[in-house]
Amino acid sequence: MTDDIIRRYTCDLAVVGAGLAGLASALRATELGLRVLVFEKNTEDQYLCNSRLTGGIFHLALSSIEDPAQVIASRIQAVTDNTANPELSQVVAQDALRLIRWLEQQGIRFMRSGPEPWHTFTLSPPSLPQIGRHWNGRAGDVMLRTLETRLTQLGGQILRGHQTESLLMNGQQCAGLTGLLSHDTAFQVQAAAVVIADGGFQASMSELKKHITLQPEQLCQRNAQTGMGDGLRMAQGIGAAVTALDQFYGHVLSRDALHNDNLWPYPWADELARSGIVVNPAGKRFADEGLGGVFIANQLAKLPNPSSAFAIFDQAIWDGPGTLRTLSANPYIQRAGATIYQADTLEELASQCGLPAQALVEEVLHFNEAVSQKQAESLQPRRSSGKFAPWPIMEAPFYAMPIVAGITYTMGGIRIDPHSRVLNTEGLPIAGCYAAGSCTGGLEGGPRAGYTGGLMKAGVTGLRAGEHAAQQRGLRSNSQADIRLETA
């Protein structure tokens, strides 16, 4: 029903956001008999979101999802230094393969994209690492279009151009939402339940400044640039609890990526940074490079000037780890326009970069000595060697690459339980309110910025939100009897 002031909708389940998390919750709830509407703020048929731009690998903590659930859950706890919610780790591990089988039943195809066990389930056709963003007709684009087609066939609908603004409460029960269609047209939704699934806040300069860095403009937006944290704000408006909001998933990029679109999302400089050293403008190390690119990117963001650091490496690193990836730093990052300084001596290299020569030379010599004596972990800051081995910087010519953090999505967010129910500040579920995907927290982060896996988190939390919302309405599936409704 429509009037001159407010456009009104009524449904069983209202979903905010049409990425993987939103469509998984919407489609699963529709299968189970609910009347579902999805509200997407973007207007394009192929609206951009991180799920559409994804490379498409479904994994958990860069490991196989075919391992026993307890093994996978333990890995999630390990990479986050036991800061992940154990219950969430367990349900995501348990439901990982179930999500894949469910997606396959919707028509999603998977392929193996590499030799590692965690490459087993990659969206097909793949979106291989390449210069620029070529997502149309590949990976995430095909996945979202397939899920929308299936949702429409079952009676659900995506309403584009609907910017949600607030949640409606009926006492202690979430009862719908409000928003804007345009500057002069509002809409209101009456619903038995709401799923917030609009992604993280990585593209919001104000939210980044509050939680990630004082200079958010010095981060490269390695994402669809649509995640503004609206759902997070809406949830907090009704008393939702949140996890730590100070970390993100991303990679080390050339500093030129801030103004050269050919340098994001690929190629990245992780292998160079984690094999050699990263230094600040004083020529000093500031991070444990052995923890990898995601950790280094977070440490870059914490610098007073996040775009002031350099990766320092030598010819052996350039010809070794620098060539390892499909779209490796050597030679593709330089071909795409990245600045790389090169010199026969460290003193000359420092001069080219504007770094203090004595400080840089002393830092490299100290690092080399610790590596040669297998005492890198005694360095300050510590240089771990369990995951990524340190390489001595000894073979001329020497290289320096100006680097910056590329942010893909924020790791923290709305606190949820294993059913994806939003929890209030007392740890109790807010009736009728769910959250899924990158707007939620509790599965990633910790002292090492532990990366669990955005696609799997989105899919499982979305699936469980849709199932629990349907269960609360007392409905059962007539069309998907082979997929068990989880109530644990």
Protein backbone atom coordinates (compact mmCIF):
# COMPACT_ATOMS: atom_id res chain seq x y z
CA MET A 1 0.00 0.00 0.00
CA THR A 2 1.29 3.45 -0.92
CA ASP A 3 0.18 6.92 0.22
CA ASP A 4 1.46 10.41 -0.62
CA ILE A 5 3.98 10.49 2.24
CA ILE A 6 5.18 7.02 3.11
CA ARG A 7 5.47 3.88 1.05
CA ARG A 8 4.53 0.95 3.27
CA TYR A 9 5.53 -2.70 3.09
CA THR A 10 4.54 -5.74 5.11
CA CYS A 11 6.46 -9.02 5.22
CA ASP A 12 7.56 -11.80 7.55
CA LEU A 13 11.26 -11.03 7.19
CA ALA A 14 12.93 -7.79 6.09
CA VAL A 15 16.57 -8.10 5.04
CA VAL A 16 18.89 -5.08 4.86
CA GLY A 17 21.55 -5.57 2.17
CA ALA A 18 21.72 -7.87 -0.85
CA GLY A 19 25.22 -9.33 -0.66
CA LEU A 20 25.86 -12.98 0.10
CA ALA A 21 24.82 -12.70 3.76
CA GLY A 22 21.57 -10.94 2.93
CA LEU A 23 20.63 -13.19 0.04
CA ALA A 24 21.49 -16.37 1.96
CA SER A 25 19.20 -15.36 4.83
CA ALA A 26 16.46 -14.18 2.47
CA LEU A 27 16.51 -17.22 0.21
CA ARG A 28 16.68 -19.74 3.05
CA ALA A 29 13.79 -18.07 4.85
CA THR A 30 11.79 -18.01 1.61
CA GLU A 31 12.44 -21.73 1.12
CA LEU A 32 11.05 -22.28 4.59
CA GLY A 33 7.85 -20.42 3.80
CA LEU A 34 8.39 -16.82 4.90
CA ARG A 35 7.38 -13.77 2.90
CA VAL A 36 10.69 -11.96 2.44
CA LEU A 37 11.71 -8.55 1.13
CA VAL A 38 15.33 -7.49 0.68
CA PHE A 39 16.13 -3.77 0.87
CA GLU A 40 19.22 -2.74 -1.12
CA LYS A 41 20.33 0.90 -1.12
CA ASN A 42 22.02 0.80 -4.54
CA THR A 43 19.88 1.19 -7.63
CA GLU A 44 21.80 -0.70 -10.32
CA ASP A 45 20.76 -4.15 -11.50
CA GLN A 46 24.31 -5.34 -10.78
CA TYR A 47 24.72 -3.20 -7.67
CA LEU A 48 28.27 -3.20 -6.32
CA CYS A 49 29.10 -4.81 -3.00
CA ASN A 50 32.07 -6.79 -1.74
CA SER A 51 30.29 -10.07 -2.52
CA ARG A 52 30.13 -9.12 -6.19
CA LEU A 53 33.82 -8.19 -6.36
CA THR A 54 35.05 -11.23 -4.43
CA GLY A 55 37.77 -13.55 -5.64
CA GLY A 56 35.40 -16.32 -4.57
CA ILE A 57 37.34 -18.73 -2.33
CA PHE A 58 35.28 -20.28 0.48
CA HIS A 59 37.65 -21.21 3.30
CA LEU A 60 38.05 -20.90 7.05
CA ALA A 61 41.31 -19.49 8.42
CA LEU A 62 43.03 -20.32 5.12
CA SER A 63 42.40 -24.02 5.65
CA SER A 64 40.16 -26.75 4.27
CA ILE A 65 36.50 -26.73 5.24
CA GLU A 66 36.41 -30.51 4.75
CA ASP A 67 38.38 -31.14 7.95
CA PRO A 68 36.53 -32.15 11.15
CA ALA A 69 34.56 -29.26 12.62
CA GLN A 70 36.49 -29.29 15.88
CA VAL A 71 39.79 -29.02 14.00
CA ILE A 72 38.49 -26.06 11.99
CA ALA A 73 37.09 -24.36 15.10
CA SER A 74 40.45 -24.77 16.83
CA ARG A 75 42.17 -23.12 13.85
CA ILE A 76 39.84 -20.13 14.07
CA GLN A 77 40.63 -19.78 17.75
CA ALA A 78 44.36 -20.09 17.05
CA VAL A 79 44.56 -17.41 14.34
CA THR A 80 42.64 -14.98 16.54
CA ASP A 81 44.63 -15.81 19.70
CA ASN A 82 41.44 -17.19 21.26
CA THR A 83 39.61 -13.89 20.96
CA ALA A 84 36.96 -15.32 18.60
CA ASN A 85 33.69 -16.37 20.19
CA PRO A 86 34.07 -20.18 20.63
CA GLU A 87 30.37 -20.79 19.94
CA LEU A 88 30.52 -18.86 16.67
CA SER A 89 33.72 -20.64 15.67
CA GLN A 90 32.03 -23.98 16.28
CA VAL A 91 28.82 -23.30 14.33
CA VAL A 92 30.67 -21.82 11.35
CA ALA A 93 32.97 -24.86 11.31
CA GLN A 94 29.98 -27.21 11.57
CA ASP A 95 27.97 -25.50 8.86
CA ALA A 96 30.75 -24.79 6.35
CA LEU A 97 30.15 -27.80 4.12
CA ARG A 98 26.39 -27.56 4.63
CA LEU A 99 26.55 -24.03 3.22
CA ILE A 100 28.47 -25.24 0.16
CA ARG A 101 25.94 -28.01 -0.53
CA TRP A 102 23.06 -25.59 -0.11
CA LEU A 103 24.65 -23.12 -2.51
CA GLU A 104 25.17 -25.92 -5.02
CA GLN A 105 21.47 -26.74 -4.79
CA GLN A 106 20.72 -23.14 -5.75
CA GLY A 107 22.82 -23.55 -8.90
CA ILE A 108 26.13 -22.14 -7.65
CA ARG A 109 29.15 -23.90 -9.18
CA PHE A 110 32.54 -24.41 -7.53
CA MET A 111 35.97 -25.40 -8.79
CA ARG A 112 39.46 -25.97 -7.39
CA SER A 113 41.57 -22.86 -8.02
CA GLY A 114 44.96 -23.93 -6.68
CA PRO A 115 47.02 -26.62 -4.98
CA GLU A 116 46.22 -25.73 -1.37
CA PRO A 117 43.37 -27.51 0.48
CA TRP A 118 41.62 -24.18 1.06
CA HIS A 119 41.43 -23.64 -2.73
CA THR A 120 38.95 -26.53 -3.10
CA PHE A 121 35.73 -24.48 -3.14
CA THR A 122 36.20 -21.48 -5.43
CA LEU A 123 33.31 -19.87 -7.26
CA SER A 124 33.13 -20.78 -10.95
CA PRO A 125 33.82 -19.16 -13.30
CA PRO A 126 36.68 -17.79 -11.19
CA SER A 127 37.62 -14.16 -10.71
CA LEU A 128 41.35 -14.61 -10.98
CA PRO A 129 43.75 -11.98 -9.61
CA GLN A 130 44.34 -9.46 -12.38
CA ILE A 131 45.09 -5.80 -13.00
CA GLY A 132 41.87 -3.84 -12.45
CA ARG A 133 38.42 -5.09 -11.51
CA HIS A 134 36.88 -7.52 -14.00
CA TRP A 135 33.96 -8.98 -12.07
CA ASN A 136 31.14 -8.97 -14.64
CA GLY A 137 30.06 -12.52 -15.42
CA ARG A 138 32.46 -14.10 -12.95
CA ALA A 139 32.61 -15.46 -9.39
CA GLY A 140 30.61 -13.20 -7.05
CA ASP A 141 28.60 -11.56 -9.83
CA VAL A 142 27.32 -14.93 -11.05
CA MET A 143 26.66 -16.04 -7.46
CA LEU A 144 24.53 -13.01 -6.61
CA ARG A 145 22.59 -13.13 -9.87
CA THR A 146 21.92 -16.84 -9.38
CA LEU A 147 20.70 -16.35 -5.81
CA GLU A 148 18.47 -13.44 -6.82
CA THR A 149 16.91 -15.48 -9.62
CA ARG A 150 16.17 -18.30 -7.22
CA LEU A 151 14.76 -15.89 -4.62
CA THR A 152 12.45 -14.32 -7.20
CA GLN A 153 11.26 -17.74 -8.39
CA LEU A 154 10.18 -18.54 -4.83
CA GLY A 155 8.34 -15.25 -4.34
CA GLY A 156 10.97 -13.11 -2.64
CA GLN A 157 12.11 -9.76 -3.97
CA ILE A 158 15.03 -7.33 -3.88
CA LEU A 159 13.86 -3.72 -3.67
CA ARG A 160 16.67 -1.55 -5.01
CA GLY A 161 17.16 2.10 -4.16
CA HIS A 162 15.90 1.64 -0.59
CA GLN A 163 18.22 3.26 1.97
CA THR A 164 17.37 2.01 5.45
CA GLU A 165 17.70 4.43 8.36
CA SER A 166 16.33 2.95 11.58
CA LEU A 167 14.78 -0.11 13.16
CA LEU A 168 11.24 -0.11 14.56
CA MET A 169 10.59 -1.60 17.97
CA ASN A 170 7.34 -2.84 19.48
CA GLY A 171 8.28 -3.01 23.12
CA GLN A 172 11.25 -5.41 23.29
CA GLN A 173 10.55 -6.83 19.81
CA CYS A 174 12.11 -5.59 16.57
CA ALA A 175 9.10 -5.01 14.35
CA GLY A 176 10.41 -3.50 11.12
CA LEU A 177 12.40 -0.60 9.75
CA THR A 178 12.21 2.80 8.12
CA GLY A 179 14.15 4.43 5.32
CA LEU A 180 14.22 6.65 2.26
CA LEU A 181 13.53 5.98 -1.41
CA SER A 182 14.51 9.52 -2.39
CA HIS A 183 14.77 12.93 -0.76
CA ASP A 184 11.00 13.28 -0.60
CA THR A 185 9.78 9.68 -0.33
CA ALA A 186 10.06 7.65 2.84
CA PHE A 187 9.23 4.01 3.35
CA GLN A 188 8.26 1.94 6.34
CA VAL A 189 8.33 -1.82 6.75
CA GLN A 190 6.28 -3.86 9.18
CA ALA A 191 7.97 -7.23 9.68
CA ALA A 192 8.05 -10.05 12.18
CA ALA A 193 11.86 -9.98 12.03
CA VAL A 194 14.75 -8.06 10.47
CA VAL A 195 18.17 -9.28 9.27
CA ILE A 196 20.91 -6.65 9.10
CA ALA A 197 23.38 -7.70 6.39
CA ASP A 198 24.75 -4.51 4.85
CA GLY A 199 28.46 -5.20 5.36
CA GLY A 200 31.13 -3.42 7.37
CA PHE A 201 31.95 0.27 7.77
CA GLN A 202 35.14 0.28 5.68
CA ALA A 203 33.97 3.05 3.33
CA SER A 204 32.77 5.45 6.04
CA MET A 205 35.45 8.05 6.71
CA SER A 206 33.81 9.10 9.98
CA GLU A 207 33.56 5.55 11.33
CA LEU A 208 37.10 4.71 10.22
CA LYS A 209 38.36 7.81 11.99
CA LYS A 210 36.61 6.75 15.20
CA HIS A 211 37.79 3.15 15.19
CA ILE A 212 40.66 2.43 12.74
CA THR A 213 42.86 5.45 11.96
CA LEU A 214 42.94 9.20 12.46
CA GLN A 215 43.73 9.59 8.76
CA PRO A 216 41.24 7.32 6.93
CA GLU A 217 41.92 9.04 3.62
CA GLN A 218 45.39 7.46 3.75
CA LEU A 219 43.91 3.96 3.47
CA CYS A 220 43.27 2.54 0.00
CA GLN A 221 39.64 1.49 -0.36
CA ARG A 222 40.24 -2.05 -1.58
CA ASN A 223 36.50 -2.77 -1.72
CA ALA A 224 33.21 -1.87 -3.39
CA GLN A 225 33.11 1.41 -1.39
CA THR A 226 29.49 0.79 -0.36
CA GLY A 227 29.98 -0.41 3.24
CA MET A 228 29.06 2.64 5.34
CA GLY A 229 28.14 1.01 8.67
CA ASP A 230 24.44 1.86 8.47
CA GLY A 231 23.37 -1.46 9.93
CA LEU A 232 25.86 -1.16 12.78
CA ARG A 233 24.47 2.27 13.64
CA MET A 234 20.87 1.01 13.42
CA ALA A 235 21.60 -1.91 15.72
CA GLN A 236 23.34 0.28 18.28
CA GLY A 237 20.30 2.52 18.16
CA ILE A 238 18.17 -0.24 19.70
CA GLY A 239 20.75 -1.24 22.30
CA ALA A 240 22.85 -3.83 20.47
CA ALA A 241 26.26 -4.76 21.82
CA VAL A 242 29.31 -4.58 19.56
CA THR A 243 32.69 -6.27 19.53
CA ALA A 244 36.02 -4.46 19.16
CA LEU A 245 35.88 -2.32 16.03
CA ASP A 246 39.56 -1.49 15.54
CA GLN A 247 40.69 -4.10 12.99
CA PHE A 248 40.08 -4.98 9.37
CA TYR A 249 40.85 -7.50 6.66
CA GLY A 250 43.10 -6.07 3.96
CA HIS A 251 46.51 -6.28 2.30
CA VAL A 252 49.73 -4.32 1.82
CA LEU A 253 49.54 -2.28 -1.38
CA SER A 254 51.78 0.11 -3.23
CA ARG A 255 51.28 3.65 -1.94
CA ASP A 256 50.45 4.63 -5.51
CA ALA A 257 47.19 2.66 -5.13
CA LEU A 258 45.81 5.78 -3.42
CA HIS A 259 45.62 7.42 -6.86
CA ASN A 260 46.22 4.57 -9.35
CA ASP A 261 43.25 2.23 -9.71
CA ASN A 262 45.38 -0.36 -11.51
CA LEU A 263 47.07 -1.15 -8.19
CA TRP A 264 44.03 -2.45 -6.29
CA PRO A 265 42.72 -4.96 -5.39
CA TYR A 266 45.77 -6.62 -7.00
CA PRO A 267 48.74 -6.89 -7.20
CA TRP A 268 49.57 -6.71 -3.51
CA ALA A 269 52.94 -6.43 -1.78
CA ASP A 270 52.36 -8.86 1.10
CA GLU A 271 55.10 -11.28 0.09
CA LEU A 272 57.70 -8.50 -0.13
CA ALA A 273 56.71 -6.95 3.19
CA ARG A 274 56.56 -10.20 5.15
CA SER A 275 59.86 -11.56 3.77
CA GLY A 276 61.92 -8.39 4.29
CA ILE A 277 61.13 -5.58 6.71
CA VAL A 278 58.70 -2.67 6.91
CA VAL A 279 60.02 0.63 8.27
CA ASN A 280 58.54 3.96 9.35
CA PRO A 281 59.89 7.40 8.30
CA ALA A 282 62.59 7.06 10.97
CA GLY A 283 63.92 3.96 9.20
CA LYS A 284 62.83 1.68 12.03
CA ARG A 285 60.74 -1.50 12.01
CA PHE A 286 57.31 -1.13 13.59
CA ALA A 287 55.55 -4.49 13.05
CA ASP A 288 56.06 -8.24 13.23
CA GLU A 289 56.33 -8.94 9.50
CA GLY A 290 56.11 -12.68 10.12
CA LEU A 291 52.41 -12.42 10.95
CA GLY A 292 51.61 -11.63 7.32
CA GLY A 293 49.98 -9.01 5.16
CA VAL A 294 46.68 -8.62 7.03
CA PHE A 295 48.53 -7.89 10.28
CA ILE A 296 50.98 -5.52 8.59
CA ALA A 297 48.11 -3.63 6.94
CA ASN A 298 46.53 -3.08 10.36
CA GLN A 299 49.83 -1.83 11.76
CA LEU A 300 50.22 0.55 8.84
CA ALA A 301 46.81 2.03 9.65
CA LYS A 302 47.94 2.70 13.21
CA LEU A 303 50.90 4.86 12.17
CA PRO A 304 50.56 8.64 12.69
CA ASN A 305 50.72 8.85 8.89
CA PRO A 306 49.44 5.54 7.46
CA SER A 307 51.00 6.25 4.05
CA SER A 308 54.53 6.96 5.29
CA ALA A 309 56.07 3.47 5.47
CA PHE A 310 58.32 1.45 3.16
CA ALA A 311 58.89 -2.24 2.46
CA ILE A 312 62.64 -2.90 2.31
CA PHE A 313 63.93 -5.99 0.48
CA ASP A 314 66.71 -7.22 -1.78
CA GLN A 315 67.18 -8.97 -5.09
CA ALA A 316 66.79 -12.42 -3.55
CA ILE A 317 63.40 -11.52 -2.09
CA TRP A 318 62.33 -9.81 -5.32
CA ASP A 319 63.23 -12.92 -7.34
CA GLY A 320 61.98 -15.37 -4.67
CA PRO A 321 58.86 -14.58 -2.59
CA GLY A 322 58.15 -11.66 -4.93
CA THR A 323 57.27 -14.10 -7.73
CA LEU A 324 55.11 -16.59 -5.81
CA ARG A 325 51.54 -15.50 -6.56
CA THR A 326 49.53 -15.80 -9.77
CA LEU A 327 49.63 -12.01 -10.09
CA SER A 328 52.91 -11.58 -8.24
CA ALA A 329 54.56 -8.35 -7.19
CA ASN A 330 57.43 -9.23 -9.51
CA PRO A 331 56.85 -8.14 -12.24
CA TYR A 332 53.22 -7.03 -12.19
CA ILE A 333 53.18 -4.41 -9.45
CA GLN A 334 55.81 -2.34 -11.22
CA ARG A 335 54.10 -2.80 -14.58
CA ALA A 336 50.88 -1.47 -13.04
CA GLY A 337 52.64 1.74 -12.06
CA ALA A 338 54.02 1.19 -8.56
CA THR A 339 57.00 3.23 -7.44
CA ILE A 340 59.98 1.05 -6.47
CA TYR A 341 63.33 2.55 -5.53
CA GLN A 342 66.47 0.56 -6.36
CA ALA A 343 70.10 1.11 -5.35
CA ASP A 344 73.39 -0.75 -5.00
CA THR A 345 73.84 0.36 -1.39
CA LEU A 346 71.46 0.87 1.53
CA GLU A 347 72.82 4.39 1.98
CA GLU A 348 71.89 5.32 -1.57
CA LEU A 349 68.49 3.63 -1.17
CA ALA A 350 67.81 5.65 1.97
CA SER A 351 68.71 8.85 0.14
CA GLN A 352 66.25 8.07 -2.67
CA CYS A 353 63.44 7.41 -0.17
CA GLY A 354 64.15 10.31 2.14
CA LEU A 355 64.96 7.96 5.02
CA PRO A 356 67.79 8.53 7.54
CA ALA A 357 70.65 6.48 6.08
CA GLN A 358 72.37 5.51 9.32
CA ALA A 359 69.13 4.37 10.95
CA LEU A 360 68.13 2.26 7.95
CA VAL A 361 71.58 0.65 7.62
CA GLU A 362 71.67 -0.20 11.33
CA GLU A 363 68.15 -1.63 11.22
CA VAL A 364 68.94 -3.88 8.26
CA LEU A 365 72.24 -5.07 9.76
CA HIS A 366 70.57 -5.81 13.09
CA PHE A 367 67.81 -7.71 11.30
CA ASN A 368 70.30 -9.70 9.18
CA GLU A 369 72.34 -10.68 12.21
CA ALA A 370 69.27 -11.91 14.09
CA VAL A 371 68.13 -13.91 11.05
CA SER A 372 71.56 -15.50 10.53
CA GLN A 373 71.71 -16.55 14.18
CA LYS A 374 68.08 -17.79 14.08
CA GLN A 375 67.16 -15.27 16.76
CA ALA A 376 64.69 -13.15 14.82
CA GLU A 377 62.04 -13.63 17.49
CA SER A 378 64.25 -11.71 19.94
CA LEU A 379 64.06 -8.57 17.80
CA GLN A 380 62.04 -5.56 18.92
CA PRO A 381 59.43 -5.53 17.62
CA ARG A 382 59.37 -9.32 17.62
CA ARG A 383 59.81 -11.03 14.26
CA SER A 384 58.03 -14.39 14.33
CA SER A 385 59.09 -17.07 11.88
CA GLY A 386 56.53 -19.84 12.26
CA LYS A 387 54.31 -18.88 9.33
CA PHE A 388 56.51 -16.72 7.08
CA ALA A 389 60.28 -17.10 7.26
CA PRO A 390 62.43 -13.95 7.37
CA TRP A 391 64.89 -13.46 4.52
CA PRO A 392 68.17 -11.60 5.11
CA ILE A 393 68.50 -8.38 3.12
CA MET A 394 72.00 -8.86 1.69
CA GLU A 395 71.93 -9.22 -2.11
CA ALA A 396 72.25 -6.00 -4.08
CA PRO A 397 70.51 -4.27 -5.61
CA PHE A 398 68.37 -3.25 -2.66
CA TYR A 399 64.75 -2.15 -3.03
CA ALA A 400 62.29 0.09 -1.22
CA MET A 401 58.60 0.28 -2.03
CA PRO A 402 56.37 3.01 -0.55
CA ILE A 403 53.41 1.09 0.89
CA VAL A 404 49.93 1.67 2.23
CA ALA A 405 47.18 -0.44 3.77
CA GLY A 406 44.39 -1.59 1.48
CA ILE A 407 41.17 -2.11 3.49
CA THR A 408 38.70 -4.72 2.23
CA TYR A 409 36.24 -5.02 5.12
CA THR A 410 36.11 -4.28 8.83
CA MET A 411 36.33 -7.29 11.15
CA GLY A 412 34.38 -6.01 14.17
CA GLY A 413 30.70 -5.32 14.44
CA ILE A 414 27.37 -6.30 15.92
CA ARG A 415 27.57 -9.01 18.58
CA ILE A 416 25.50 -12.08 17.67
CA ASP A 417 24.76 -15.54 19.07
CA PRO A 418 25.02 -18.87 17.14
CA HIS A 419 21.55 -18.27 15.63
CA SER A 420 22.74 -14.86 14.32
CA ARG A 421 20.44 -13.12 16.80
CA VAL A 422 21.62 -9.64 17.75
CA LEU A 423 22.62 -9.42 21.41
CA ASN A 424 22.03 -6.43 23.64
CA THR A 425 24.58 -4.99 26.04
CA GLU A 426 23.47 -7.47 28.69
CA GLY A 427 24.21 -10.40 26.37
CA LEU A 428 20.56 -11.24 25.70
CA PRO A 429 18.98 -11.65 22.24
CA ILE A 430 16.90 -8.76 20.90
CA ALA A 431 13.73 -10.48 19.73
CA GLY A 432 13.20 -10.35 15.99
CA CYS A 433 16.60 -8.83 15.20
CA TYR A 434 19.35 -10.72 13.38
CA ALA A 435 22.67 -9.75 11.82
CA ALA A 436 24.88 -11.60 9.35
CA GLY A 437 28.11 -11.15 7.44
CA SER A 438 30.65 -8.36 7.77
CA CYS A 439 28.42 -6.13 9.90
CA THR A 440 28.94 -8.65 12.69
CA GLY A 441 31.91 -9.29 14.96
CA GLY A 442 33.19 -12.18 17.02
CA LEU A 443 34.86 -14.39 14.41
CA GLU A 444 37.92 -12.39 13.36
CA GLY A 445 40.56 -10.09 14.78
CA GLY A 446 42.56 -10.41 17.97
CA PRO A 447 46.18 -9.34 18.59
CA ARG A 448 47.25 -10.73 15.21
CA ALA A 449 44.26 -9.46 13.22
CA GLY A 450 43.32 -13.09 12.60
CA TYR A 451 41.50 -13.62 9.30
CA THR A 452 38.76 -16.26 9.29
CA GLY A 453 37.13 -15.80 5.88
CA GLY A 454 34.50 -13.28 4.81
CA LEU A 455 32.52 -15.42 2.37
CA MET A 456 32.10 -18.32 4.76
CA LYS A 457 31.17 -16.01 7.63
CA ALA A 458 28.62 -14.25 5.42
CA GLY A 459 27.07 -17.44 4.09
CA VAL A 460 26.78 -19.37 7.35
CA THR A 461 25.54 -16.49 9.50
CA GLY A 462 23.04 -15.56 6.78
CA LEU A 463 21.81 -19.12 6.43
CA ARG A 464 21.34 -19.51 10.17
CA ALA A 465 19.55 -16.17 10.48
CA GLY A 466 17.02 -17.19 7.83
CA GLU A 467 16.48 -20.58 9.42
CA HIS A 468 15.96 -19.27 12.93
CA ALA A 469 13.60 -16.54 11.74
CA ALA A 470 11.52 -19.21 9.97
CA GLN A 471 11.62 -21.48 12.99
CA GLN A 472 10.32 -18.66 15.15
CA ARG A 473 7.36 -18.33 12.80
CA GLY A 474 6.64 -22.02 13.27
CA LEU A 475 7.25 -22.95 9.65
CA ARG A 476 8.99 -25.88 8.03
CA SER A 477 10.40 -26.36 4.53
CA ASN A 478 8.36 -28.19 1.92
CA SER A 479 10.93 -27.84 -0.85
CA GLN A 480 14.26 -28.52 0.87
CA ALA A 481 13.53 -31.46 3.14
CA ASP A 482 17.05 -32.80 2.61
CA ILE A 483 18.57 -29.78 4.37
CA ARG A 484 18.14 -30.02 8.12
CA LEU A 485 16.88 -26.95 9.99
CA GLU A 486 19.55 -26.28 12.60
CA THR A 487 18.31 -25.48 16.10
CA ALA A 488 21.46 -26.14 18.10
